[in-house]
C-alpha atoms as a PDB file:
ATOM      1  CA  UNK A   1      -8.602  11.826  -6.410  1.00  0.00           C
ATOM      2  CA  UNK A   2     -10.680   9.055  -7.669  1.00  0.00           C
ATOM      3  CA  UNK A   3     -10.864   4.962  -8.547  1.00  0.00           C
ATOM      4  CA  UNK A   4      -6.978   4.472 -10.666  1.00  0.00           C
ATOM      5  CA  UNK A   5      -6.222   0.812 -12.030  1.00  0.00           C
ATOM      6  CA  UNK A   6      -2.578   0.351 -11.934  1.00  0.00           C
ATOM      7  CA  UNK A   7      -1.312  -2.793 -13.684  1.00  0.00           C
ATOM      8  CA  UNK A   8      -2.706  -5.203 -12.155  1.00  0.00           C
ATOM      9  CA  UNK A   9      -3.899  -4.001  -9.188  1.00  0.00           C
ATOM     10  CA  UNK A  10      -6.997  -2.119  -8.571  1.00  0.00           C
ATOM     11  CA  UNK A  11      -6.870   0.685  -5.977  1.00  0.00           C
ATOM     12  CA  UNK A  12      -8.548   3.818  -4.820  1.00  0.00           C
ATOM     13  CA  UNK A  13      -6.794   7.423  -3.302  1.00  0.00           C
ATOM     14  CA  UNK A  14      -8.728   9.128  -1.612  1.00  0.00           C
ATOM     15  CA  UNK A  15      -7.005  12.339   0.507  1.00  0.00           C
ATOM     16  CA  UNK A  16      -8.999  13.790   3.182  1.00  0.00           C
ATOM     17  CA  UNK A  17      -7.210  16.051   5.544  1.00  0.00           C
ATOM     18  CA  UNK A  18      -3.566  15.099   4.431  1.00  0.00           C
ATOM     19  CA  UNK A  19      -3.899  12.039   5.116  1.00  0.00           C
ATOM     20  CA  UNK A  20      -4.212   9.774   1.688  1.00  0.00           C
ATOM     21  CA  UNK A  21      -5.781   6.570   1.524  1.00  0.00           C
ATOM     22  CA  UNK A  22      -4.266   4.168  -0.581  1.00  0.00           C
ATOM     23  CA  UNK A  23      -7.057   0.899  -0.857  1.00  0.00           C
ATOM     24  CA  UNK A  24      -5.661  -1.987  -2.413  1.00  0.00           C
ATOM     25  CA  UNK A  25      -7.974  -4.877  -3.816  1.00  0.00           C
ATOM     26  CA  UNK A  26      -7.564  -8.611  -4.957  1.00  0.00           C
ATOM     27  CA  UNK A  27      -4.389 -10.357  -5.390  1.00  0.00           C
ATOM     28  CA  UNK A  28      -1.131  -8.797  -5.078  1.00  0.00           C
ATOM     29  CA  UNK A  29       1.599 -11.318  -6.909  1.00  0.00           C
ATOM     30  CA  UNK A  30       4.415 -11.010  -8.537  1.00  0.00           C
ATOM     31  CA  UNK A  31       2.186  -9.787 -11.784  1.00  0.00           C
ATOM     32  CA  UNK A  32       0.657  -7.011 -10.058  1.00  0.00           C
ATOM     33  CA  UNK A  33       2.724  -5.755  -7.223  1.00  0.00           C
ATOM     34  CA  UNK A  34       4.891  -3.449  -9.374  1.00  0.00           C
ATOM     35  CA  UNK A  35       1.347  -1.667  -9.014  1.00  0.00           C
ATOM     36  CA  UNK A  36       1.203  -0.441  -5.754  1.00  0.00           C
ATOM     37  CA  UNK A  37       4.773   1.435  -5.858  1.00  0.00           C
ATOM     38  CA  UNK A  38       2.722   3.487  -8.548  1.00  0.00           C
ATOM     39  CA  UNK A  39      -0.102   3.781  -6.369  1.00  0.00           C
ATOM     40  CA  UNK A  40       2.011   5.244  -3.968  1.00  0.00           C
ATOM     41  CA  UNK A  41       3.996   7.077  -6.214  1.00  0.00           C
ATOM     42  CA  UNK A  42       0.547   8.694  -8.060  1.00  0.00           C
ATOM     43  CA  UNK A  43      -0.774  10.118  -4.377  1.00  0.00           C
ATOM     44  CA  UNK A  44       2.287  11.732  -3.422  1.00  0.00           C
ATOM     45  CA  UNK A  45       2.707  13.638  -6.602  1.00  0.00           C
ATOM     46  CA  UNK A  46      -0.507  14.835  -7.279  1.00  0.00           C
ATOM     47  CA  UNK A  47      -1.756  15.053  -3.666  1.00  0.00           C
ATOM     48  CA  UNK A  48      -0.810  17.211  -0.635  1.00  0.00           C
ATOM     49  CA  UNK A  49      -0.106  13.877   1.571  1.00  0.00           C
ATOM     50  CA  UNK A  50       1.357  14.453   4.732  1.00  0.00           C
ATOM     51  CA  UNK A  51       0.700  10.707   5.614  1.00  0.00           C
ATOM     52  CA  UNK A  52      -0.283   7.548   3.261  1.00  0.00           C
ATOM     53  CA  UNK A  53      -2.339   4.704   4.808  1.00  0.00           C
ATOM     54  CA  UNK A  54      -2.372   1.606   2.955  1.00  0.00           C
ATOM     55  CA  UNK A  55      -6.246  -0.021   3.206  1.00  0.00           C
ATOM     56  CA  UNK A  56      -5.829  -3.668   2.814  1.00  0.00           C
ATOM     57  CA  UNK A  57      -9.221  -5.246   3.743  1.00  0.00           C
ATOM     58  CA  UNK A  58      -9.711  -5.843   0.235  1.00  0.00           C
ATOM     59  CA  UNK A  59      -6.707  -7.728  -0.170  1.00  0.00           C
ATOM     60  CA  UNK A  60      -7.114 -11.882  -0.894  1.00  0.00           C
ATOM     61  CA  UNK A  61      -3.945 -12.716  -1.409  1.00  0.00           C
ATOM     62  CA  UNK A  62      -0.759 -11.418  -0.798  1.00  0.00           C
ATOM     63  CA  UNK A  63       2.803 -13.226  -2.198  1.00  0.00           C
ATOM     64  CA  UNK A  64       6.894 -12.168  -1.190  1.00  0.00           C
ATOM     65  CA  UNK A  65       6.707  -9.660  -3.983  1.00  0.00           C
ATOM     66  CA  UNK A  66       3.962  -7.562  -2.764  1.00  0.00           C
ATOM     67  CA  UNK A  67       5.620  -7.554   0.640  1.00  0.00           C
ATOM     68  CA  UNK A  68       8.624  -6.416  -1.624  1.00  0.00           C
ATOM     69  CA  UNK A  69       6.183  -4.150  -3.253  1.00  0.00           C
ATOM     70  CA  UNK A  70       4.877  -2.436   0.376  1.00  0.00           C
ATOM     71  CA  UNK A  71       8.628  -2.282   1.371  1.00  0.00           C
ATOM     72  CA  UNK A  72       9.400  -0.650  -1.473  1.00  0.00           C
ATOM     73  CA  UNK A  73       6.434   2.086  -1.605  1.00  0.00           C
ATOM     74  CA  UNK A  74       7.875   2.614   2.351  1.00  0.00           C
ATOM     75  CA  UNK A  75      10.915   3.711   1.493  1.00  0.00           C
ATOM     76  CA  UNK A  76       9.752   5.378  -1.614  1.00  0.00           C
ATOM     77  CA  UNK A  77       7.078   7.771   0.956  1.00  0.00           C
ATOM     78  CA  UNK A  78       9.564   8.425   3.478  1.00  0.00           C
ATOM     79  CA  UNK A  79      12.575   9.517   1.150  1.00  0.00           C
ATOM     80  CA  UNK A  80       9.896  12.440   0.518  1.00  0.00           C
ATOM     81  CA  UNK A  81       9.394  12.671   4.240  1.00  0.00           C
ATOM     82  CA  UNK A  82       5.987  11.022   4.164  1.00  0.00           C
ATOM     83  CA  UNK A  83       5.283   8.079   6.668  1.00  0.00           C
ATOM     84  CA  UNK A  84       3.605   4.979   5.333  1.00  0.00           C
ATOM     85  CA  UNK A  85       1.758   2.323   7.159  1.00  0.00           C
ATOM     86  CA  UNK A  86      -1.059  -0.406   6.051  1.00  0.00           C
ATOM     87  CA  UNK A  87      -4.194  -0.911   7.948  1.00  0.00           C
ATOM     88  CA  UNK A  88      -6.859  -3.632   8.172  1.00  0.00           C
ATOM     89  CA  UNK A  89      -4.704  -6.260   6.707  1.00  0.00           C
ATOM     90  CA  UNK A  90      -6.268  -9.654   7.744  1.00  0.00           C
ATOM     91  CA  UNK A  91      -6.278 -13.538   7.506  1.00  0.00           C
ATOM     92  CA  UNK A  92      -3.904 -14.566   4.292  1.00  0.00           C
ATOM     93  CA  UNK A  93      -1.933 -11.546   3.896  1.00  0.00           C
ATOM     94  CA  UNK A  94      -1.714 -10.303   7.421  1.00  0.00           C
ATOM     95  CA  UNK A  95      -0.466 -13.841   8.144  1.00  0.00           C
ATOM     96  CA  UNK A  96       2.057 -13.268   5.236  1.00  0.00           C
ATOM     97  CA  UNK A  97       2.980 -10.107   6.757  1.00  0.00           C
ATOM     98  CA  UNK A  98       3.672 -11.874  10.388  1.00  0.00           C
ATOM     99  CA  UNK A  99       5.845 -14.536   8.809  1.00  0.00           C
ATOM    100  CA  UNK A 100       7.920 -12.301   6.983  1.00  0.00           C
ATOM    101  CA  UNK A 101       8.510 -10.122  10.099  1.00  0.00           C
ATOM    102  CA  UNK A 102       7.835  -7.519   8.278  1.00  0.00           C
ATOM    103  CA  UNK A 103       3.566  -6.673   9.756  1.00  0.00           C
ATOM    104  CA  UNK A 104       5.365  -4.740  13.024  1.00  0.00           C
ATOM    105  CA  UNK A 105       7.385  -2.417  10.840  1.00  0.00           C
ATOM    106  CA  UNK A 106       4.681  -1.619   8.071  1.00  0.00           C
ATOM    107  CA  UNK A 107       1.393  -1.442  10.334  1.00  0.00           C
ATOM    108  CA  UNK A 108       0.353   2.203  11.036  1.00  0.00           C
ATOM    109  CA  UNK A 109       0.951   3.405  13.961  1.00  0.00           C
END
């Protein structure tokens, strides 16, 4: 699909073989977190996704608003029968996900 800019969160969405990869970039906080749900909603509306993989390798910061947005995005995808999981969360963002107890729930299996 190409590069898209959601409010405050840069992301790319690429679909290959039914797997949509939403690659997030930068800081995800209260000001930008809504862009995660928008990106997933856009992928669901415009691509043939049998699975959504949220690549967090370029995420440099994540706060509780970002965690909430990831949970909301997962619920949105699951309502449409599409599993969603995160990959490549590292350093600070991974620590936040682990401390809040959602890393195991959100990571791709």
